[in-house]
Amino acid sequence: MKKSKFLKGLLFFLLGFLSLGAFYGGLVFIIKPDGSVYDIPTDILQNSLFKNFLVPGIILLVTFGLLPIYVIYALIKQPENKFLQKLNLLYDHHFAWTFAIYIGIALIIWINVQTLIFNAVDALHTIYSTYGILIICISLLPGTRNWYKL
C-alpha cells in the first residue's frame, strides 16, 4: 500500500512540475510572442503554421499548464464528469487516470512536432520526451492503476 501511495504521489509531482513549467512558458510566449524572452527568433517557425509564438504559447499554457492541474484535482477528488468520461478510452478506469496518460502522450507528440518544425533535436527535447514516457509508465503501473479502477 505504501508503494502505491508513493507512485500516486510521484504522478501528482510529475504532472504538477510539468504544469508549473508550461504555465510559465506559455504565459511568456503569450505576453512576448516574438520569443525575445528566451532569445528564440521567430524565424525558427518558418516550417510551421505560425508567424510567432502566441498560438504555441496558448497551446502550451492550456494543454500542459492548466490541464495537468485539473487532472491532479480529479485524481485526488475523483469527480464525475460525463463528458470527460466519454473521452476516456479506458472506460473501466476514472477519466482522470486516463487523462494523465493522454498528457504523457501529448507531451511526446508536442516534442516530436517541435523537432520537426525546428529541424533539430536539443537535449531538452530528449528530456521532455523521456518525461512524457515516465508519466505514462508511472500511470500504467498496477500500483497507480488500481487506485483509479471503477
N, C-alpha and C. Protein backbone atom coordinates (compact mmCIF):
# COMPACT_ATOMS: atom_id res chain seq x y z
N MET A 1 0.82 -1.21 0.00
CA MET A 1 0.00 0.00 0.00
C MET A 1 0.86 1.27 0.00
N LYS A 2 1.97 1.24 0.78
CA LYS A 2 2.85 2.41 0.80
C LYS A 2 3.43 2.70 -0.57
N LYS A 3 3.81 1.62 -1.28
CA LYS A 3 4.40 1.80 -2.60
C LYS A 3 3.41 2.45 -3.56
N SER A 4 2.15 2.00 -3.52
CA SER A 4 1.18 2.58 -4.44
C SER A 4 0.88 4.03 -4.08
N LYS A 5 0.91 4.38 -2.79
CA LYS A 5 0.74 5.79 -2.41
C LYS A 5 1.92 6.62 -2.92
N PHE A 6 3.11 6.04 -2.86
CA PHE A 6 4.29 6.72 -3.38
C PHE A 6 4.14 6.97 -4.88
N LEU A 7 3.69 5.95 -5.63
CA LEU A 7 3.52 6.09 -7.08
C LEU A 7 2.48 7.15 -7.40
N LYS A 8 1.40 7.14 -6.65
CA LYS A 8 0.35 8.14 -6.84
C LYS A 8 0.92 9.55 -6.58
N GLY A 9 1.67 9.70 -5.51
CA GLY A 9 2.30 10.98 -5.20
C GLY A 9 3.31 11.39 -6.26
N LEU A 10 4.04 10.41 -6.79
CA LEU A 10 5.00 10.69 -7.86
C LEU A 10 4.28 11.19 -9.11
N LEU A 11 3.16 10.59 -9.43
CA LEU A 11 2.37 11.04 -10.59
C LEU A 11 1.90 12.47 -10.38
N PHE A 12 1.41 12.79 -9.17
CA PHE A 12 1.00 14.17 -8.87
C PHE A 12 2.16 15.13 -9.05
N PHE A 13 3.34 14.73 -8.54
CA PHE A 13 4.52 15.58 -8.66
C PHE A 13 4.89 15.81 -10.12
N LEU A 14 4.93 14.73 -10.91
CA LEU A 14 5.31 14.86 -12.33
C LEU A 14 4.35 15.78 -13.07
N LEU A 15 3.05 15.61 -12.84
CA LEU A 15 2.06 16.46 -13.50
C LEU A 15 2.17 17.90 -13.01
N GLY A 16 2.39 18.07 -11.72
CA GLY A 16 2.50 19.42 -11.15
C GLY A 16 3.73 20.16 -11.65
N PHE A 17 4.85 19.45 -11.72
CA PHE A 17 6.09 20.06 -12.19
C PHE A 17 5.96 20.45 -13.66
N LEU A 18 5.36 19.57 -14.45
CA LEU A 18 5.11 19.88 -15.86
C LEU A 18 4.23 21.12 -15.98
N SER A 19 3.21 21.17 -15.15
CA SER A 19 2.27 22.30 -15.18
C SER A 19 2.96 23.62 -14.86
N LEU A 20 3.80 23.63 -13.87
CA LEU A 20 4.49 24.87 -13.49
C LEU A 20 5.34 25.41 -14.63
N GLY A 21 6.13 24.54 -15.23
CA GLY A 21 6.99 24.97 -16.33
C GLY A 21 6.20 25.43 -17.54
N ALA A 22 5.15 24.68 -17.87
CA ALA A 22 4.33 25.02 -19.04
C ALA A 22 3.51 26.28 -18.80
N PHE A 23 3.05 26.46 -17.57
CA PHE A 23 2.28 27.66 -17.24
C PHE A 23 3.16 28.89 -17.43
N TYR A 24 4.37 28.83 -16.89
CA TYR A 24 5.31 29.95 -17.04
C TYR A 24 5.68 30.16 -18.51
N GLY A 25 6.09 29.08 -19.18
CA GLY A 25 6.50 29.19 -20.58
C GLY A 25 5.37 29.67 -21.48
N GLY A 26 4.17 29.16 -21.25
CA GLY A 26 3.02 29.57 -22.05
C GLY A 26 2.71 31.05 -21.86
N LEU A 27 2.72 31.50 -20.60
CA LEU A 27 2.46 32.92 -20.33
C LEU A 27 3.52 33.82 -20.97
N VAL A 28 4.77 33.40 -20.90
CA VAL A 28 5.85 34.19 -21.51
C VAL A 28 5.62 34.32 -23.02
N PHE A 29 5.27 33.23 -23.68
CA PHE A 29 5.04 33.29 -25.13
C PHE A 29 3.78 34.07 -25.48
N ILE A 30 2.80 34.07 -24.60
CA ILE A 30 1.59 34.85 -24.84
C ILE A 30 1.89 36.35 -24.66
N ILE A 31 2.62 36.69 -23.62
CA ILE A 31 2.94 38.09 -23.34
C ILE A 31 3.95 38.64 -24.34
N LYS A 32 4.96 37.85 -24.68
CA LYS A 32 6.00 38.26 -25.63
C LYS A 32 6.10 37.22 -26.74
N PRO A 33 5.16 37.22 -27.69
CA PRO A 33 5.14 36.18 -28.72
C PRO A 33 6.28 36.25 -29.73
N ASP A 34 7.14 37.26 -29.61
CA ASP A 34 8.28 37.35 -30.52
C ASP A 34 9.44 36.44 -30.08
N GLY A 35 9.31 35.78 -28.93
CA GLY A 35 10.33 34.86 -28.46
C GLY A 35 11.53 35.53 -27.82
N SER A 36 11.47 36.84 -27.64
CA SER A 36 12.63 37.60 -27.15
C SER A 36 13.05 37.23 -25.73
N VAL A 37 12.10 36.82 -24.90
CA VAL A 37 12.44 36.47 -23.51
C VAL A 37 13.39 35.28 -23.49
N TYR A 38 13.18 34.33 -24.38
CA TYR A 38 14.03 33.13 -24.45
C TYR A 38 15.10 33.23 -25.54
N ASP A 39 15.22 34.39 -26.16
CA ASP A 39 16.15 34.58 -27.28
C ASP A 39 15.94 33.56 -28.39
N ILE A 40 14.68 33.30 -28.69
CA ILE A 40 14.33 32.39 -29.79
C ILE A 40 13.76 33.24 -30.92
N PRO A 41 14.43 33.29 -32.06
CA PRO A 41 13.91 34.09 -33.16
C PRO A 41 12.68 33.43 -33.78
N THR A 42 11.75 34.24 -34.26
CA THR A 42 10.55 33.69 -34.90
C THR A 42 10.88 33.01 -36.22
N ASP A 43 12.07 33.23 -36.75
CA ASP A 43 12.50 32.55 -37.99
C ASP A 43 12.47 31.03 -37.83
N ILE A 44 12.62 30.58 -36.60
CA ILE A 44 12.64 29.14 -36.34
C ILE A 44 11.27 28.50 -36.65
N LEU A 45 10.25 29.34 -36.75
CA LEU A 45 8.89 28.87 -37.03
C LEU A 45 8.58 28.83 -38.53
N GLN A 46 9.55 29.06 -39.37
CA GLN A 46 9.30 29.14 -40.82
C GLN A 46 8.70 27.87 -41.39
N ASN A 47 8.95 26.70 -40.80
CA ASN A 47 8.38 25.44 -41.28
C ASN A 47 7.06 25.10 -40.59
N SER A 48 6.45 26.08 -39.95
CA SER A 48 5.21 25.84 -39.22
C SER A 48 4.09 26.72 -39.75
N LEU A 49 2.94 26.59 -39.14
CA LEU A 49 1.78 27.41 -39.49
C LEU A 49 1.79 28.76 -38.78
N PHE A 50 2.75 28.98 -37.90
CA PHE A 50 2.73 30.13 -37.02
C PHE A 50 3.76 31.18 -37.42
N LYS A 51 3.37 32.45 -37.25
CA LYS A 51 4.28 33.56 -37.52
C LYS A 51 5.02 33.98 -36.26
N ASN A 52 4.42 33.68 -35.11
CA ASN A 52 5.06 33.98 -33.83
C ASN A 52 4.66 32.89 -32.82
N PHE A 53 5.00 33.11 -31.56
CA PHE A 53 4.80 32.07 -30.54
C PHE A 53 3.50 32.22 -29.76
N LEU A 54 2.58 33.07 -30.22
CA LEU A 54 1.33 33.27 -29.49
C LEU A 54 0.50 31.99 -29.42
N VAL A 55 0.18 31.40 -30.54
CA VAL A 55 -0.67 30.18 -30.55
C VAL A 55 0.06 29.02 -29.86
N PRO A 56 1.35 28.77 -30.15
CA PRO A 56 2.04 27.73 -29.38
C PRO A 56 2.04 28.01 -27.88
N GLY A 57 2.13 29.28 -27.49
CA GLY A 57 2.07 29.64 -26.08
C GLY A 57 0.72 29.32 -25.46
N ILE A 58 -0.35 29.58 -26.20
CA ILE A 58 -1.70 29.26 -25.71
C ILE A 58 -1.86 27.75 -25.57
N ILE A 59 -1.39 27.00 -26.57
CA ILE A 59 -1.47 25.54 -26.52
C ILE A 59 -0.66 25.01 -25.33
N LEU A 60 0.53 25.55 -25.15
CA LEU A 60 1.39 25.15 -24.03
C LEU A 60 0.71 25.43 -22.70
N LEU A 61 0.15 26.62 -22.55
CA LEU A 61 -0.50 27.01 -21.31
C LEU A 61 -1.69 26.12 -20.99
N VAL A 62 -2.54 25.89 -21.97
CA VAL A 62 -3.77 25.12 -21.73
C VAL A 62 -3.48 23.63 -21.58
N THR A 63 -2.75 23.04 -22.54
CA THR A 63 -2.55 21.60 -22.58
C THR A 63 -1.61 21.11 -21.49
N PHE A 64 -0.54 21.83 -21.25
CA PHE A 64 0.46 21.34 -20.30
C PHE A 64 0.56 22.18 -19.03
N GLY A 65 -0.16 23.30 -18.99
CA GLY A 65 -0.19 24.14 -17.79
C GLY A 65 -1.46 23.95 -16.99
N LEU A 66 -2.60 24.15 -17.64
CA LEU A 66 -3.88 24.08 -16.92
C LEU A 66 -4.44 22.66 -16.81
N LEU A 67 -4.39 21.90 -17.90
CA LEU A 67 -4.96 20.55 -17.89
C LEU A 67 -4.34 19.66 -16.81
N PRO A 68 -3.01 19.62 -16.67
CA PRO A 68 -2.47 18.78 -15.61
C PRO A 68 -2.93 19.16 -14.20
N ILE A 69 -3.16 20.45 -13.96
CA ILE A 69 -3.67 20.87 -12.65
C ILE A 69 -5.07 20.31 -12.43
N TYR A 70 -5.91 20.37 -13.46
CA TYR A 70 -7.25 19.79 -13.33
C TYR A 70 -7.17 18.28 -13.14
N VAL A 71 -6.26 17.64 -13.86
CA VAL A 71 -6.11 16.18 -13.74
C VAL A 71 -5.66 15.81 -12.33
N ILE A 72 -4.74 16.57 -11.75
CA ILE A 72 -4.33 16.31 -10.37
C ILE A 72 -5.53 16.42 -9.44
N TYR A 73 -6.30 17.49 -9.59
CA TYR A 73 -7.51 17.67 -8.79
C TYR A 73 -8.45 16.47 -8.96
N ALA A 74 -8.66 16.06 -10.22
CA ALA A 74 -9.58 14.95 -10.49
C ALA A 74 -9.02 13.62 -10.00
N LEU A 75 -7.72 13.46 -10.01
CA LEU A 75 -7.12 12.24 -9.46
C LEU A 75 -7.34 12.17 -7.95
N ILE A 76 -7.31 13.31 -7.29
CA ILE A 76 -7.49 13.35 -5.83
C ILE A 76 -8.97 13.22 -5.47
N LYS A 77 -9.83 14.02 -6.07
CA LYS A 77 -11.25 14.07 -5.70
C LYS A 77 -12.12 13.08 -6.45
N GLN A 78 -11.67 12.63 -7.61
CA GLN A 78 -12.39 11.72 -8.49
C GLN A 78 -13.85 12.15 -8.74
N PRO A 79 -14.02 13.40 -9.23
CA PRO A 79 -15.38 13.87 -9.51
C PRO A 79 -15.95 13.16 -10.73
N GLU A 80 -17.25 13.17 -10.83
CA GLU A 80 -17.90 12.63 -12.03
C GLU A 80 -17.92 13.73 -13.08
N ASN A 81 -17.67 13.34 -14.32
CA ASN A 81 -17.74 14.25 -15.44
C ASN A 81 -18.11 13.40 -16.65
N LYS A 82 -19.37 13.43 -17.03
CA LYS A 82 -19.84 12.55 -18.10
C LYS A 82 -19.16 12.84 -19.43
N PHE A 83 -18.88 14.11 -19.72
CA PHE A 83 -18.23 14.45 -20.98
C PHE A 83 -16.82 13.87 -21.03
N LEU A 84 -16.03 14.12 -19.99
CA LEU A 84 -14.66 13.60 -19.98
C LEU A 84 -14.63 12.09 -19.90
N GLN A 85 -15.60 11.49 -19.23
CA GLN A 85 -15.66 10.03 -19.18
C GLN A 85 -15.94 9.46 -20.57
N LYS A 86 -16.68 10.20 -21.40
CA LYS A 86 -16.91 9.74 -22.78
C LYS A 86 -15.63 9.79 -23.61
N LEU A 87 -14.71 10.68 -23.27
CA LEU A 87 -13.42 10.77 -23.96
C LEU A 87 -12.42 9.75 -23.42
N ASN A 88 -12.82 9.03 -22.41
CA ASN A 88 -11.97 8.06 -21.75
C ASN A 88 -11.98 6.74 -22.53
N LEU A 89 -10.89 6.42 -23.18
CA LEU A 89 -10.81 5.18 -23.95
C LEU A 89 -10.68 3.95 -23.05
N LEU A 90 -10.25 4.15 -21.82
CA LEU A 90 -10.15 3.05 -20.87
C LEU A 90 -11.29 3.20 -19.86
N TYR A 91 -12.48 2.90 -20.32
CA TYR A 91 -13.72 3.19 -19.61
C TYR A 91 -13.85 2.50 -18.25
N ASP A 92 -13.03 1.49 -17.97
CA ASP A 92 -13.12 0.82 -16.68
C ASP A 92 -12.28 1.52 -15.60
N HIS A 93 -11.72 2.69 -15.94
CA HIS A 93 -10.94 3.50 -15.00
C HIS A 93 -11.51 4.92 -15.00
N HIS A 94 -11.22 5.63 -13.91
CA HIS A 94 -11.66 7.03 -13.82
C HIS A 94 -10.99 7.83 -14.93
N PHE A 95 -11.72 8.78 -15.49
CA PHE A 95 -11.21 9.57 -16.62
C PHE A 95 -9.90 10.28 -16.27
N ALA A 96 -9.72 10.70 -15.02
CA ALA A 96 -8.52 11.46 -14.65
C ALA A 96 -7.26 10.62 -14.84
N TRP A 97 -7.35 9.33 -14.52
CA TRP A 97 -6.20 8.44 -14.71
C TRP A 97 -5.86 8.35 -16.20
N THR A 98 -6.87 8.19 -17.03
CA THR A 98 -6.65 8.11 -18.47
C THR A 98 -6.10 9.42 -19.01
N PHE A 99 -6.57 10.53 -18.48
CA PHE A 99 -6.09 11.83 -18.95
C PHE A 99 -4.63 12.07 -18.55
N ALA A 100 -4.17 11.47 -17.46
CA ALA A 100 -2.75 11.54 -17.12
C ALA A 100 -1.93 10.87 -18.23
N ILE A 101 -2.43 9.74 -18.72
CA ILE A 101 -1.76 9.06 -19.84
C ILE A 101 -1.84 9.92 -21.10
N TYR A 102 -3.00 10.50 -21.34
CA TYR A 102 -3.16 11.38 -22.52
C TYR A 102 -2.14 12.52 -22.47
N ILE A 103 -1.91 13.09 -21.29
CA ILE A 103 -0.94 14.19 -21.16
C ILE A 103 0.45 13.70 -21.51
N GLY A 104 0.82 12.51 -21.05
CA GLY A 104 2.12 11.95 -21.41
C GLY A 104 2.27 11.77 -22.91
N ILE A 105 1.23 11.24 -23.54
CA ILE A 105 1.24 11.04 -25.00
C ILE A 105 1.31 12.39 -25.71
N ALA A 106 0.52 13.35 -25.24
CA ALA A 106 0.51 14.68 -25.86
C ALA A 106 1.88 15.35 -25.73
N LEU A 107 2.55 15.15 -24.60
CA LEU A 107 3.87 15.73 -24.42
C LEU A 107 4.88 15.15 -25.42
N ILE A 108 4.82 13.85 -25.63
CA ILE A 108 5.71 13.21 -26.60
C ILE A 108 5.42 13.75 -28.01
N ILE A 109 4.15 13.88 -28.35
CA ILE A 109 3.77 14.41 -29.67
C ILE A 109 4.24 15.86 -29.81
N TRP A 110 4.00 16.66 -28.78
CA TRP A 110 4.41 18.07 -28.77
C TRP A 110 5.90 18.20 -29.05
N ILE A 111 6.69 17.40 -28.38
CA ILE A 111 8.15 17.47 -28.55
C ILE A 111 8.55 17.00 -29.95
N ASN A 112 7.93 15.94 -30.44
CA ASN A 112 8.26 15.46 -31.80
C ASN A 112 7.90 16.48 -32.86
N VAL A 113 6.77 17.16 -32.69
CA VAL A 113 6.40 18.22 -33.64
C VAL A 113 7.41 19.36 -33.58
N GLN A 114 7.85 19.69 -32.38
CA GLN A 114 8.88 20.74 -32.25
C GLN A 114 10.15 20.37 -33.01
N THR A 115 10.59 19.13 -32.86
CA THR A 115 11.81 18.73 -33.56
C THR A 115 11.63 18.77 -35.07
N LEU A 116 10.42 18.47 -35.54
CA LEU A 116 10.16 18.56 -36.98
C LEU A 116 10.15 20.01 -37.45
N ILE A 117 9.50 20.87 -36.69
CA ILE A 117 9.42 22.29 -37.08
C ILE A 117 10.80 22.94 -37.01
N PHE A 118 11.53 22.68 -35.93
CA PHE A 118 12.85 23.30 -35.75
C PHE A 118 13.93 22.60 -36.55
N ASN A 119 13.63 21.41 -37.03
CA ASN A 119 14.60 20.59 -37.77
C ASN A 119 15.88 20.39 -36.96
N ALA A 120 15.69 20.16 -35.66
CA ALA A 120 16.81 19.95 -34.75
C ALA A 120 16.32 19.22 -33.51
N VAL A 121 17.24 18.52 -32.86
CA VAL A 121 16.94 17.85 -31.60
C VAL A 121 17.88 18.43 -30.55
N ASP A 122 17.29 18.94 -29.50
CA ASP A 122 18.03 19.55 -28.41
C ASP A 122 17.97 18.60 -27.21
N ALA A 123 18.84 18.79 -26.25
CA ALA A 123 18.83 17.97 -25.04
C ALA A 123 17.47 18.06 -24.32
N LEU A 124 16.87 19.25 -24.34
CA LEU A 124 15.56 19.41 -23.69
C LEU A 124 14.48 18.57 -24.39
N HIS A 125 14.60 18.39 -25.69
CA HIS A 125 13.64 17.54 -26.40
C HIS A 125 13.72 16.11 -25.87
N THR A 126 14.92 15.63 -25.69
CA THR A 126 15.11 14.28 -25.17
C THR A 126 14.59 14.17 -23.74
N ILE A 127 14.90 15.17 -22.93
CA ILE A 127 14.45 15.17 -21.53
C ILE A 127 12.93 15.15 -21.46
N TYR A 128 12.27 16.03 -22.23
CA TYR A 128 10.81 16.10 -22.14
C TYR A 128 10.11 14.91 -22.80
N SER A 129 10.71 14.33 -23.81
CA SER A 129 10.15 13.08 -24.36
C SER A 129 10.22 11.98 -23.31
N THR A 130 11.35 11.89 -22.64
CA THR A 130 11.50 10.92 -21.56
C THR A 130 10.53 11.21 -20.43
N TYR A 131 10.30 12.47 -20.15
CA TYR A 131 9.34 12.90 -19.12
C TYR A 131 7.94 12.40 -19.47
N GLY A 132 7.55 12.54 -20.73
CA GLY A 132 6.24 12.04 -21.17
C GLY A 132 6.15 10.54 -21.01
N ILE A 133 7.22 9.83 -21.38
CA ILE A 133 7.25 8.37 -21.22
C ILE A 133 7.13 8.01 -19.74
N LEU A 134 7.80 8.76 -18.88
CA LEU A 134 7.75 8.50 -17.44
C LEU A 134 6.34 8.69 -16.88
N ILE A 135 5.65 9.74 -17.32
CA ILE A 135 4.27 9.96 -16.88
C ILE A 135 3.39 8.76 -17.28
N ILE A 136 3.57 8.29 -18.51
CA ILE A 136 2.79 7.15 -18.98
C ILE A 136 3.13 5.90 -18.17
N CYS A 137 4.40 5.64 -17.98
CA CYS A 137 4.82 4.43 -17.25
C CYS A 137 4.33 4.43 -15.80
N ILE A 138 4.48 5.55 -15.10
CA ILE A 138 4.02 5.64 -13.71
C ILE A 138 2.51 5.45 -13.65
N SER A 139 1.80 6.01 -14.62
CA SER A 139 0.34 5.85 -14.66
C SER A 139 -0.06 4.40 -14.87
N LEU A 140 0.68 3.70 -15.71
CA LEU A 140 0.31 2.33 -16.08
C LEU A 140 0.73 1.28 -15.06
N LEU A 141 1.59 1.63 -14.13
CA LEU A 141 1.99 0.65 -13.12
C LEU A 141 0.77 0.20 -12.31
N PRO A 142 0.67 -1.08 -12.00
CA PRO A 142 -0.50 -1.58 -11.26
C PRO A 142 -0.75 -0.84 -9.95
N GLY A 143 0.33 -0.43 -9.27
CA GLY A 143 0.16 0.29 -8.02
C GLY A 143 -0.55 1.62 -8.18
N THR A 144 -0.40 2.26 -9.31
CA THR A 144 -1.11 3.51 -9.60
C THR A 144 -2.46 3.21 -10.21
N ARG A 145 -2.48 2.31 -11.17
CA ARG A 145 -3.68 1.99 -11.92
C ARG A 145 -4.82 1.52 -11.02
N ASN A 146 -4.50 0.72 -10.01
CA ASN A 146 -5.54 0.16 -9.15
C ASN A 146 -6.31 1.22 -8.35
N TRP A 147 -5.67 2.37 -8.11
CA TRP A 147 -6.35 3.45 -7.39
C TRP A 147 -7.55 3.99 -8.16
N TYR A 148 -7.50 3.86 -9.48
CA TYR A 148 -8.50 4.54 -10.32
C TYR A 148 -9.41 3.60 -11.09
N LYS A 149 -9.35 2.32 -10.75
CA LYS A 149 -10.23 1.34 -11.39
C LYS A 149 -11.64 1.54 -10.88
N LEU A 150 -12.59 1.57 -11.79
CA LEU A 150 -14.00 1.78 -11.41
C LEU A 150 -14.65 0.47 -10.99
